[in-house]
Amino acid sequence: MKNTIKTLALATVIAFITFSFTTVNTDKKEINTEKSKVIWKGYKVTGSHEGTITIKSGSLHFNGEVLTGGEFVMDMTSINTTDISGNMKDKLDAHLKNDDFFSVNAHPTASLVFKDVKASGKNAYTIIGDLTIKGKTNPITFSISIYGNKATTSLKIDRTKYGIEYKSASIFESLKDKAIYDEFDLVADLEF
């Protein structure tokens, strides 16, 4: 009986030591920033505008075929409007980069770090991440789909959580048709 207890105790200690030093085999796949695309769309009472933002760097982390994490850095100085041209485009691009919106001189990048990844279906995941814009970090929940070496996702972001309050109807009640909605969309088509 004593030998059986000693054997079980030894087996437990060996198993504990083995699992303590076993690492998860994570494969970090870098995002191809040239082939990936991020489109933004902002809404106002009288319409909307859209454009692009460049990914500076990013990666998705996998354990085999299963997504386990990820992180991205966006180049906020690259904000570009694509639905208008000429002088109007130049004015809007400059306005988005100034302190009314993204303050790109002080905050040239924004980041997203995955904190929790849960499978939600075949090739689909629900992500809880930390999104940092203008130096302010807030949690965000979104879905991502992965097919081969491509991923797609869309995020709805409340700009007021990041100190972007310019013409916000929820803050300035008298704006009427000059209001800009608080939420904007980001849609990303990623290749890795």
N, C-alpha and C. Protein backbone atom coordinates (compact mmCIF):
# COMPACT_ATOMS: atom_id res chain seq x y z
N MET A 1 0.82 -1.19 0.00
CA MET A 1 0.00 0.00 0.00
C MET A 1 0.86 1.26 0.00
N LYS A 2 1.94 1.25 0.82
CA LYS A 2 2.83 2.40 0.87
C LYS A 2 3.49 2.61 -0.49
N ASN A 3 3.87 1.51 -1.15
CA ASN A 3 4.50 1.63 -2.46
C ASN A 3 3.53 2.22 -3.49
N THR A 4 2.27 1.85 -3.40
CA THR A 4 1.27 2.38 -4.33
C THR A 4 1.10 3.87 -4.13
N ILE A 5 1.04 4.31 -2.89
CA ILE A 5 0.90 5.74 -2.58
C ILE A 5 2.13 6.50 -3.05
N LYS A 6 3.32 5.94 -2.82
CA LYS A 6 4.56 6.57 -3.27
C LYS A 6 4.58 6.67 -4.79
N THR A 7 4.14 5.63 -5.48
CA THR A 7 4.13 5.62 -6.94
C THR A 7 3.16 6.68 -7.47
N LEU A 8 1.97 6.76 -6.86
CA LEU A 8 1.00 7.77 -7.28
C LEU A 8 1.52 9.19 -7.02
N ALA A 9 2.15 9.38 -5.87
CA ALA A 9 2.69 10.69 -5.53
C ALA A 9 3.80 11.07 -6.51
N LEU A 10 4.68 10.12 -6.83
CA LEU A 10 5.76 10.38 -7.77
C LEU A 10 5.22 10.69 -9.16
N ALA A 11 4.22 9.93 -9.59
CA ALA A 11 3.60 10.17 -10.90
C ALA A 11 2.95 11.55 -10.95
N THR A 12 2.31 11.97 -9.87
CA THR A 12 1.67 13.28 -9.81
C THR A 12 2.71 14.39 -9.90
N VAL A 13 3.82 14.23 -9.16
CA VAL A 13 4.89 15.23 -9.19
C VAL A 13 5.50 15.32 -10.58
N ILE A 14 5.75 14.19 -11.23
CA ILE A 14 6.33 14.19 -12.58
C ILE A 14 5.36 14.85 -13.56
N ALA A 15 4.08 14.53 -13.47
CA ALA A 15 3.08 15.13 -14.36
C ALA A 15 3.02 16.64 -14.15
N PHE A 16 3.04 17.08 -12.89
CA PHE A 16 2.98 18.50 -12.59
C PHE A 16 4.19 19.23 -13.18
N ILE A 17 5.38 18.66 -12.99
CA ILE A 17 6.60 19.28 -13.52
C ILE A 17 6.55 19.31 -15.04
N THR A 18 6.10 18.23 -15.67
CA THR A 18 6.03 18.17 -17.13
C THR A 18 5.08 19.24 -17.66
N PHE A 19 3.87 19.37 -17.08
CA PHE A 19 2.91 20.36 -17.56
C PHE A 19 3.35 21.78 -17.25
N SER A 20 4.09 21.97 -16.18
CA SER A 20 4.55 23.30 -15.82
C SER A 20 5.55 23.85 -16.83
N PHE A 21 6.34 22.99 -17.43
CA PHE A 21 7.36 23.43 -18.37
C PHE A 21 6.97 23.21 -19.83
N THR A 22 5.76 22.77 -20.07
CA THR A 22 5.29 22.59 -21.44
C THR A 22 4.72 23.91 -21.92
N THR A 23 5.16 24.38 -23.09
CA THR A 23 4.65 25.63 -23.63
C THR A 23 3.65 25.35 -24.74
N VAL A 24 2.73 26.28 -24.91
CA VAL A 24 1.77 26.16 -25.99
C VAL A 24 2.48 26.52 -27.29
N ASN A 25 2.32 25.71 -28.29
CA ASN A 25 2.97 25.95 -29.58
C ASN A 25 2.19 27.01 -30.34
N THR A 26 2.61 28.28 -30.22
CA THR A 26 1.93 29.38 -30.87
C THR A 26 2.68 29.78 -32.12
N ASP A 27 1.95 29.88 -33.21
CA ASP A 27 2.52 30.31 -34.49
C ASP A 27 2.06 31.74 -34.73
N LYS A 28 3.01 32.67 -34.79
CA LYS A 28 2.72 34.08 -34.99
C LYS A 28 2.82 34.38 -36.48
N LYS A 29 1.69 34.76 -37.10
CA LYS A 29 1.66 35.03 -38.54
C LYS A 29 1.55 36.53 -38.75
N GLU A 30 2.59 37.10 -39.37
CA GLU A 30 2.63 38.54 -39.62
C GLU A 30 1.62 38.94 -40.69
N ILE A 31 0.98 40.07 -40.50
CA ILE A 31 0.03 40.61 -41.47
C ILE A 31 0.82 41.20 -42.64
N ASN A 32 0.40 40.88 -43.85
CA ASN A 32 0.98 41.48 -45.04
C ASN A 32 0.34 42.86 -45.20
N THR A 33 1.06 43.90 -44.80
CA THR A 33 0.50 45.25 -44.77
C THR A 33 0.24 45.80 -46.17
N GLU A 34 0.94 45.28 -47.18
CA GLU A 34 0.73 45.74 -48.56
C GLU A 34 -0.57 45.19 -49.14
N LYS A 35 -0.94 43.97 -48.77
CA LYS A 35 -2.13 43.33 -49.33
C LYS A 35 -3.37 43.46 -48.45
N SER A 36 -3.20 43.93 -47.23
CA SER A 36 -4.33 44.08 -46.30
C SER A 36 -4.92 45.48 -46.45
N LYS A 37 -6.20 45.61 -46.12
CA LYS A 37 -6.88 46.88 -46.31
C LYS A 37 -7.82 47.16 -45.14
N VAL A 38 -7.80 48.40 -44.65
CA VAL A 38 -8.72 48.84 -43.61
C VAL A 38 -9.49 50.05 -44.14
N ILE A 39 -10.81 49.94 -44.12
CA ILE A 39 -11.69 51.02 -44.57
C ILE A 39 -12.44 51.57 -43.37
N TRP A 40 -12.49 52.88 -43.25
CA TRP A 40 -13.28 53.53 -42.20
C TRP A 40 -14.51 54.17 -42.84
N LYS A 41 -15.57 54.28 -42.06
CA LYS A 41 -16.76 54.99 -42.51
C LYS A 41 -17.36 55.73 -41.33
N GLY A 42 -17.49 57.05 -41.48
CA GLY A 42 -18.07 57.90 -40.45
C GLY A 42 -19.39 58.46 -40.93
N TYR A 43 -20.30 58.70 -39.99
CA TYR A 43 -21.66 59.10 -40.35
C TYR A 43 -22.02 60.43 -39.71
N LYS A 44 -22.77 61.22 -40.47
CA LYS A 44 -23.31 62.48 -39.97
C LYS A 44 -24.78 62.53 -40.35
N VAL A 45 -25.51 63.47 -39.79
CA VAL A 45 -26.95 63.56 -40.05
C VAL A 45 -27.22 63.68 -41.54
N THR A 46 -26.39 64.42 -42.25
CA THR A 46 -26.63 64.68 -43.67
C THR A 46 -25.91 63.72 -44.62
N GLY A 47 -25.31 62.64 -44.11
CA GLY A 47 -24.62 61.70 -45.00
C GLY A 47 -23.50 60.95 -44.30
N SER A 48 -22.46 60.65 -45.07
CA SER A 48 -21.33 59.90 -44.51
C SER A 48 -20.08 60.18 -45.35
N HIS A 49 -18.95 59.77 -44.81
CA HIS A 49 -17.68 59.81 -45.54
C HIS A 49 -16.96 58.50 -45.25
N GLU A 50 -16.09 58.12 -46.18
CA GLU A 50 -15.29 56.91 -45.96
C GLU A 50 -13.91 57.07 -46.55
N GLY A 51 -13.03 56.18 -46.11
CA GLY A 51 -11.66 56.23 -46.59
C GLY A 51 -10.87 55.05 -46.08
N THR A 52 -9.56 55.21 -46.06
CA THR A 52 -8.67 54.12 -45.67
C THR A 52 -7.71 54.56 -44.56
N ILE A 53 -7.18 53.57 -43.86
CA ILE A 53 -6.12 53.75 -42.87
C ILE A 53 -5.13 52.61 -43.11
N THR A 54 -3.86 52.90 -43.06
CA THR A 54 -2.82 51.90 -43.30
C THR A 54 -2.47 51.14 -42.02
N ILE A 55 -2.30 49.84 -42.16
CA ILE A 55 -1.79 49.03 -41.04
C ILE A 55 -0.27 49.18 -41.02
N LYS A 56 0.26 49.63 -39.90
CA LYS A 56 1.72 49.78 -39.76
C LYS A 56 2.36 48.41 -39.51
N SER A 57 1.74 47.63 -38.62
CA SER A 57 2.23 46.28 -38.33
C SER A 57 1.10 45.50 -37.68
N GLY A 58 1.23 44.19 -37.71
CA GLY A 58 0.23 43.37 -37.06
C GLY A 58 0.52 41.89 -37.21
N SER A 59 -0.09 41.10 -36.36
CA SER A 59 0.07 39.65 -36.44
C SER A 59 -1.14 38.98 -35.82
N LEU A 60 -1.39 37.77 -36.28
CA LEU A 60 -2.40 36.89 -35.68
C LEU A 60 -1.66 35.70 -35.13
N HIS A 61 -2.10 35.19 -33.97
CA HIS A 61 -1.42 34.09 -33.31
C HIS A 61 -2.32 32.86 -33.37
N PHE A 62 -1.72 31.72 -33.70
CA PHE A 62 -2.47 30.47 -33.85
C PHE A 62 -1.81 29.36 -33.05
N ASN A 63 -2.63 28.45 -32.58
CA ASN A 63 -2.18 27.17 -32.04
C ASN A 63 -2.72 26.14 -33.03
N GLY A 64 -1.87 25.70 -33.94
CA GLY A 64 -2.33 24.87 -35.06
C GLY A 64 -3.18 25.72 -35.97
N GLU A 65 -4.43 25.35 -36.15
CA GLU A 65 -5.38 26.11 -36.98
C GLU A 65 -6.27 27.04 -36.16
N VAL A 66 -6.09 27.05 -34.85
CA VAL A 66 -7.00 27.78 -33.95
C VAL A 66 -6.40 29.14 -33.60
N LEU A 67 -7.18 30.20 -33.83
CA LEU A 67 -6.76 31.55 -33.48
C LEU A 67 -6.68 31.69 -31.96
N THR A 68 -5.56 32.23 -31.45
CA THR A 68 -5.38 32.40 -30.01
C THR A 68 -5.09 33.84 -29.61
N GLY A 69 -4.75 34.71 -30.55
CA GLY A 69 -4.43 36.08 -30.19
C GLY A 69 -4.09 36.92 -31.40
N GLY A 70 -3.74 38.15 -31.15
CA GLY A 70 -3.35 39.05 -32.22
C GLY A 70 -3.10 40.44 -31.70
N GLU A 71 -2.43 41.24 -32.55
CA GLU A 71 -2.18 42.64 -32.22
C GLU A 71 -1.93 43.42 -33.50
N PHE A 72 -2.35 44.69 -33.48
CA PHE A 72 -2.22 45.54 -34.65
C PHE A 72 -1.82 46.94 -34.24
N VAL A 73 -1.07 47.59 -35.11
CA VAL A 73 -0.74 49.00 -34.96
C VAL A 73 -1.16 49.69 -36.25
N MET A 74 -1.98 50.73 -36.11
CA MET A 74 -2.46 51.49 -37.26
C MET A 74 -1.68 52.79 -37.38
N ASP A 75 -1.36 53.18 -38.62
CA ASP A 75 -0.68 54.44 -38.89
C ASP A 75 -1.74 55.53 -39.05
N MET A 76 -2.01 56.26 -37.99
CA MET A 76 -3.08 57.26 -38.02
C MET A 76 -2.73 58.45 -38.91
N THR A 77 -1.46 58.65 -39.23
CA THR A 77 -1.08 59.73 -40.15
C THR A 77 -1.50 59.41 -41.58
N SER A 78 -1.90 58.17 -41.83
CA SER A 78 -2.28 57.75 -43.19
C SER A 78 -3.77 57.90 -43.47
N ILE A 79 -4.54 58.46 -42.53
CA ILE A 79 -5.99 58.61 -42.75
C ILE A 79 -6.21 59.32 -44.09
N ASN A 80 -7.04 58.68 -44.91
CA ASN A 80 -7.26 59.15 -46.26
C ASN A 80 -8.75 59.04 -46.58
N THR A 81 -9.33 60.09 -47.12
CA THR A 81 -10.73 60.07 -47.54
C THR A 81 -10.81 59.64 -48.99
N THR A 82 -11.73 58.72 -49.30
CA THR A 82 -11.81 58.20 -50.68
C THR A 82 -13.13 58.52 -51.38
N ASP A 83 -14.10 59.10 -50.68
CA ASP A 83 -15.40 59.34 -51.33
C ASP A 83 -15.55 60.75 -51.89
N ILE A 84 -14.56 61.61 -51.67
CA ILE A 84 -14.56 62.95 -52.25
C ILE A 84 -13.16 63.24 -52.78
N SER A 85 -13.03 64.30 -53.56
CA SER A 85 -11.71 64.62 -54.13
C SER A 85 -11.47 66.12 -54.08
N GLY A 86 -10.28 66.51 -54.53
CA GLY A 86 -9.93 67.92 -54.62
C GLY A 86 -9.78 68.60 -53.28
N ASN A 87 -10.18 69.87 -53.26
CA ASN A 87 -10.02 70.72 -52.08
C ASN A 87 -10.82 70.19 -50.89
N MET A 88 -12.03 69.67 -51.13
CA MET A 88 -12.87 69.14 -50.05
C MET A 88 -12.18 67.95 -49.37
N LYS A 89 -11.58 67.07 -50.18
CA LYS A 89 -10.85 65.91 -49.65
C LYS A 89 -9.67 66.39 -48.80
N ASP A 90 -8.89 67.32 -49.33
CA ASP A 90 -7.73 67.83 -48.60
C ASP A 90 -8.13 68.44 -47.25
N LYS A 91 -9.24 69.20 -47.26
CA LYS A 91 -9.72 69.81 -46.01
C LYS A 91 -10.16 68.75 -45.00
N LEU A 92 -10.92 67.74 -45.46
CA LEU A 92 -11.39 66.71 -44.54
C LEU A 92 -10.22 65.89 -44.01
N ASP A 93 -9.29 65.51 -44.87
CA ASP A 93 -8.12 64.75 -44.41
C ASP A 93 -7.36 65.53 -43.33
N ALA A 94 -7.15 66.82 -43.57
CA ALA A 94 -6.43 67.65 -42.59
C ALA A 94 -7.23 67.76 -41.29
N HIS A 95 -8.56 67.88 -41.40
CA HIS A 95 -9.39 68.00 -40.20
C HIS A 95 -9.36 66.71 -39.38
N LEU A 96 -9.42 65.56 -40.06
CA LEU A 96 -9.37 64.28 -39.34
C LEU A 96 -8.04 64.10 -38.60
N LYS A 97 -6.99 64.69 -39.12
CA LYS A 97 -5.66 64.55 -38.51
C LYS A 97 -5.42 65.55 -37.38
N ASN A 98 -6.24 66.62 -37.30
CA ASN A 98 -5.98 67.63 -36.27
C ASN A 98 -6.62 67.25 -34.93
N ASP A 99 -6.54 68.17 -33.98
CA ASP A 99 -6.97 67.88 -32.60
C ASP A 99 -8.47 67.69 -32.43
N ASP A 100 -9.29 68.14 -33.38
CA ASP A 100 -10.73 67.89 -33.31
C ASP A 100 -11.03 66.39 -33.39
N PHE A 101 -10.18 65.67 -34.10
CA PHE A 101 -10.40 64.24 -34.27
C PHE A 101 -9.24 63.42 -33.70
N PHE A 102 -8.27 63.01 -34.52
CA PHE A 102 -7.30 62.00 -34.09
C PHE A 102 -5.94 62.53 -33.62
N SER A 103 -5.69 63.82 -33.67
CA SER A 103 -4.45 64.42 -33.14
C SER A 103 -3.21 63.61 -33.56
N VAL A 104 -3.03 63.43 -34.85
CA VAL A 104 -1.98 62.51 -35.31
C VAL A 104 -0.57 63.00 -35.02
N ASN A 105 -0.37 64.30 -34.81
CA ASN A 105 0.97 64.76 -34.44
C ASN A 105 1.37 64.24 -33.07
N ALA A 106 0.42 64.25 -32.13
CA ALA A 106 0.69 63.75 -30.78
C ALA A 106 0.49 62.24 -30.67
N HIS A 107 -0.39 61.68 -31.50
CA HIS A 107 -0.74 60.25 -31.44
C HIS A 107 -0.71 59.65 -32.84
N PRO A 108 0.50 59.41 -33.37
CA PRO A 108 0.61 58.94 -34.76
C PRO A 108 0.15 57.50 -34.98
N THR A 109 -0.07 56.75 -33.91
CA THR A 109 -0.52 55.37 -34.06
C THR A 109 -1.71 55.08 -33.14
N ALA A 110 -2.47 54.07 -33.51
CA ALA A 110 -3.51 53.49 -32.67
C ALA A 110 -3.21 52.00 -32.62
N SER A 111 -3.70 51.31 -31.59
CA SER A 111 -3.38 49.89 -31.49
C SER A 111 -4.58 49.07 -31.01
N LEU A 112 -4.54 47.81 -31.36
CA LEU A 112 -5.55 46.85 -30.92
C LEU A 112 -4.81 45.59 -30.48
N VAL A 113 -5.07 45.16 -29.25
CA VAL A 113 -4.44 43.95 -28.69
C VAL A 113 -5.55 43.00 -28.27
N PHE A 114 -5.53 41.77 -28.80
CA PHE A 114 -6.52 40.77 -28.42
C PHE A 114 -6.25 40.32 -27.00
N LYS A 115 -7.28 40.31 -26.15
CA LYS A 115 -7.15 39.86 -24.76
C LYS A 115 -7.82 38.51 -24.54
N ASP A 116 -8.90 38.23 -25.26
CA ASP A 116 -9.63 36.99 -25.09
C ASP A 116 -10.18 36.57 -26.46
N VAL A 117 -9.97 35.31 -26.82
CA VAL A 117 -10.40 34.78 -28.12
C VAL A 117 -11.25 33.55 -27.86
N LYS A 118 -12.49 33.56 -28.36
CA LYS A 118 -13.39 32.40 -28.19
C LYS A 118 -13.94 32.02 -29.55
N ALA A 119 -13.88 30.72 -29.87
CA ALA A 119 -14.49 30.23 -31.11
C ALA A 119 -15.99 30.44 -31.03
N SER A 120 -16.58 30.94 -32.12
CA SER A 120 -18.03 31.18 -32.15
C SER A 120 -18.71 30.43 -33.30
N GLY A 121 -17.93 29.65 -34.03
CA GLY A 121 -18.44 28.88 -35.16
C GLY A 121 -17.28 28.42 -36.00
N LYS A 122 -17.57 27.78 -37.12
CA LYS A 122 -16.50 27.33 -38.00
C LYS A 122 -15.79 28.55 -38.59
N ASN A 123 -14.51 28.65 -38.36
CA ASN A 123 -13.66 29.75 -38.84
C ASN A 123 -14.05 31.12 -38.27
N ALA A 124 -14.85 31.15 -37.21
CA ALA A 124 -15.30 32.42 -36.64
C ALA A 124 -14.95 32.50 -35.16
N TYR A 125 -14.62 33.72 -34.72
CA TYR A 125 -14.21 33.93 -33.34
C TYR A 125 -14.82 35.23 -32.82
N THR A 126 -15.09 35.26 -31.52
CA THR A 126 -15.46 36.49 -30.84
C THR A 126 -14.23 36.94 -30.06
N ILE A 127 -13.85 38.19 -30.28
CA ILE A 127 -12.64 38.75 -29.68
C ILE A 127 -13.02 39.84 -28.68
N ILE A 128 -12.37 39.82 -27.54
CA ILE A 128 -12.38 40.97 -26.64
C ILE A 128 -10.96 41.52 -26.68
N GLY A 129 -10.85 42.79 -27.01
CA GLY A 129 -9.53 43.38 -27.13
C GLY A 129 -9.46 44.73 -26.45
N ASP A 130 -8.24 45.25 -26.37
CA ASP A 130 -8.00 46.60 -25.87
C ASP A 130 -7.66 47.47 -27.07
N LEU A 131 -8.51 48.48 -27.33
CA LEU A 131 -8.29 49.41 -28.42
C LEU A 131 -7.78 50.73 -27.84
N THR A 132 -6.66 51.20 -28.39
CA THR A 132 -6.06 52.46 -27.92
C THR A 132 -6.07 53.46 -29.06
N ILE A 133 -6.75 54.59 -28.84
CA ILE A 133 -6.79 55.71 -29.78
C ILE A 133 -6.53 56.97 -28.98
N LYS A 134 -5.66 57.83 -29.49
CA LYS A 134 -5.32 59.10 -28.81
C LYS A 134 -4.86 58.87 -27.37
N GLY A 135 -4.17 57.76 -27.13
CA GLY A 135 -3.63 57.47 -25.81
C GLY A 135 -4.64 56.95 -24.81
N LYS A 136 -5.89 56.76 -25.22
CA LYS A 136 -6.94 56.23 -24.33
C LYS A 136 -7.26 54.80 -24.74
N THR A 137 -7.32 53.90 -23.76
CA THR A 137 -7.57 52.49 -24.02
C THR A 137 -8.93 52.08 -23.45
N ASN A 138 -9.70 51.40 -24.29
CA ASN A 138 -11.01 50.89 -23.88
C ASN A 138 -11.18 49.48 -24.43
N PRO A 139 -11.94 48.64 -23.71
CA PRO A 139 -12.22 47.30 -24.24
C PRO A 139 -13.20 47.38 -25.40
N ILE A 140 -13.06 46.45 -26.33
CA ILE A 140 -13.96 46.37 -27.48
C ILE A 140 -14.21 44.91 -27.80
N THR A 141 -15.42 44.58 -28.18
CA THR A 141 -15.78 43.21 -28.56
C THR A 141 -16.19 43.20 -30.02
N PHE A 142 -15.67 42.24 -30.78
CA PHE A 142 -15.97 42.15 -32.20
C PHE A 142 -15.78 40.71 -32.67
N SER A 143 -16.20 40.44 -33.90
CA SER A 143 -16.05 39.11 -34.49
C SER A 143 -15.02 39.15 -35.60
N ILE A 144 -14.35 38.02 -35.80
CA ILE A 144 -13.39 37.89 -36.90
C ILE A 144 -13.59 36.52 -37.54
N SER A 145 -13.49 36.48 -38.86
CA SER A 145 -13.59 35.22 -39.60
C SER A 145 -12.27 34.97 -40.30
N ILE A 146 -11.82 33.70 -40.28
CA ILE A 146 -10.54 33.34 -40.87
C ILE A 146 -10.75 32.23 -41.89
N TYR A 147 -10.21 32.45 -43.09
CA TYR A 147 -10.28 31.45 -44.17
C TYR A 147 -8.91 31.37 -44.81
N GLY A 148 -8.21 30.26 -44.58
CA GLY A 148 -6.86 30.10 -45.14
C GLY A 148 -5.94 31.16 -44.58
N ASN A 149 -5.35 31.97 -45.48
CA ASN A 149 -4.43 33.03 -45.04
C ASN A 149 -5.09 34.41 -45.08
N LYS A 150 -6.43 34.43 -44.97
CA LYS A 150 -7.16 35.70 -44.98
C LYS A 150 -8.08 35.78 -43.76
N ALA A 151 -8.31 37.01 -43.32
CA ALA A 151 -9.23 37.25 -42.20
C ALA A 151 -10.04 38.50 -42.52
N THR A 152 -11.29 38.52 -42.07
CA THR A 152 -12.13 39.70 -42.22
C THR A 152 -12.78 40.03 -40.88
N THR A 153 -12.93 41.30 -40.63
CA THR A 153 -13.56 41.74 -39.39
C THR A 153 -14.15 43.13 -39.59
N SER A 154 -15.09 43.48 -38.74
CA SER A 154 -15.60 44.85 -38.71
C SER A 154 -15.81 45.25 -37.26
N LEU A 155 -15.47 46.48 -36.98
CA LEU A 155 -15.59 47.02 -35.62
C LEU A 155 -16.44 48.27 -35.66
N LYS A 156 -17.27 48.45 -34.67
CA LYS A 156 -18.05 49.68 -34.49
C LYS A 156 -17.44 50.36 -33.26
N ILE A 157 -16.95 51.58 -33.46
CA ILE A 157 -16.19 52.28 -32.43
C ILE A 157 -16.90 53.57 -32.03
N ASP A 158 -17.08 53.77 -30.73
CA ASP A 158 -17.64 55.01 -30.19
C ASP A 158 -16.48 55.98 -29.96
N ARG A 159 -16.37 56.97 -30.82
CA ARG A 159 -15.24 57.90 -30.78
C ARG A 159 -15.17 58.72 -29.50
N THR A 160 -16.32 58.94 -28.84
CA THR A 160 -16.31 59.77 -27.63
C THR A 160 -15.57 59.09 -26.48
N LYS A 161 -15.44 57.75 -26.53
CA LYS A 161 -14.67 57.04 -25.49
C LYS A 161 -13.18 57.35 -25.59
N TYR A 162 -12.77 57.93 -26.72
CA TYR A 162 -11.36 58.24 -26.95
C TYR A 162 -11.11 59.75 -26.99
N GLY A 163 -12.06 60.51 -26.44
CA GLY A 163 -11.90 61.96 -26.36
C GLY A 163 -12.14 62.69 -27.67
N ILE A 164 -12.80 62.04 -28.63
CA ILE A 164 -13.11 62.68 -29.91
C ILE A 164 -14.57 63.12 -29.85
N GLU A 165 -14.78 64.37 -29.46
CA GLU A 165 -16.12 64.85 -29.19
C GLU A 165 -16.62 65.88 -30.20
N TYR A 166 -15.85 66.18 -31.21
CA TYR A 166 -16.21 67.21 -32.19
C TYR A 166 -17.58 66.92 -32.80
N LYS A 167 -18.49 67.88 -32.68
CA LYS A 167 -19.86 67.82 -33.21
C LYS A 167 -20.61 66.54 -32.83
N SER A 168 -20.37 66.05 -31.63
CA SER A 168 -21.09 64.87 -31.13
C SER A 168 -22.47 65.27 -30.65
N ALA A 169 -23.50 64.64 -31.21
CA ALA A 169 -24.87 64.94 -30.82
C ALA A 169 -25.15 64.53 -29.37
N SER A 170 -24.43 63.54 -28.87
CA SER A 170 -24.65 63.10 -27.49
C SER A 170 -24.04 64.07 -26.48
N ILE A 171 -23.17 64.94 -26.94
CA ILE A 171 -22.52 65.91 -26.05
C ILE A 171 -23.06 67.32 -26.28
N PHE A 172 -23.24 67.66 -27.56
CA PHE A 172 -23.73 69.00 -27.93
C PHE A 172 -25.13 68.86 -28.53
N GLU A 173 -26.14 69.14 -27.74
CA GLU A 173 -27.53 68.87 -28.13
C GLU A 173 -28.07 69.80 -29.20
N SER A 174 -27.50 70.97 -29.40
CA SER A 174 -28.08 71.96 -30.32
C SER A 174 -27.53 71.90 -31.74
N LEU A 175 -26.82 70.85 -32.11
CA LEU A 175 -26.18 70.77 -33.43
C LEU A 175 -27.14 70.51 -34.59
N LYS A 176 -28.25 69.86 -34.31
CA LYS A 176 -29.26 69.51 -35.32
C LYS A 176 -28.62 68.81 -36.51
N ASP A 177 -28.73 69.38 -37.74
CA ASP A 177 -28.23 68.67 -38.93
C ASP A 177 -26.72 68.80 -39.12
N LYS A 178 -26.03 69.44 -38.20
CA LYS A 178 -24.57 69.55 -38.26
C LYS A 178 -23.87 68.48 -37.41
N ALA A 179 -24.67 67.62 -36.77
CA ALA A 179 -24.12 66.60 -35.87
C ALA A 179 -23.42 65.49 -36.63
N ILE A 180 -22.38 64.97 -36.01
CA ILE A 180 -21.66 63.78 -36.50
C ILE A 180 -21.93 62.68 -35.48
N TYR A 181 -22.35 61.51 -35.97
CA TYR A 181 -22.66 60.42 -35.05
C TYR A 181 -21.42 59.94 -34.32
N ASP A 182 -21.63 59.47 -33.10
CA ASP A 182 -20.52 59.05 -32.25
C ASP A 182 -19.82 57.81 -32.78
N GLU A 183 -20.56 56.89 -33.35
CA GLU A 183 -19.96 55.63 -33.80
C GLU A 183 -19.49 55.72 -35.25
N PHE A 184 -18.32 55.12 -35.49
CA PHE A 184 -17.83 54.95 -36.85
C PHE A 184 -17.43 53.50 -37.03
N ASP A 185 -17.33 53.07 -38.27
CA ASP A 185 -17.02 51.67 -38.59
C ASP A 185 -15.62 51.52 -39.14
N LEU A 186 -14.99 50.42 -38.80
CA LEU A 186 -13.75 49.97 -39.44
C LEU A 186 -14.02 48.59 -40.00
N VAL A 187 -13.69 48.38 -41.26
CA VAL A 187 -13.81 47.08 -41.90
C VAL A 187 -12.43 46.69 -42.41
N ALA A 188 -11.95 45.52 -41.99
CA ALA A 188 -10.60 45.10 -42.36
C ALA A 188 -10.62 43.78 -43.13
N ASP A 189 -9.91 43.78 -44.26
CA ASP A 189 -9.63 42.56 -45.02
C ASP A 189 -8.14 42.33 -44.89
N LEU A 190 -7.77 41.27 -44.19
CA LEU A 190 -6.38 41.01 -43.83
C LEU A 190 -5.82 39.81 -44.58
N GLU A 191 -4.54 39.88 -44.93
CA GLU A 191 -3.82 38.73 -45.47
C GLU A 191 -2.58 38.52 -44.61
N PHE A 192 -2.25 37.25 -44.38
CA PHE A 192 -1.06 36.94 -43.57
C PHE A 192 -0.34 35.76 -44.16
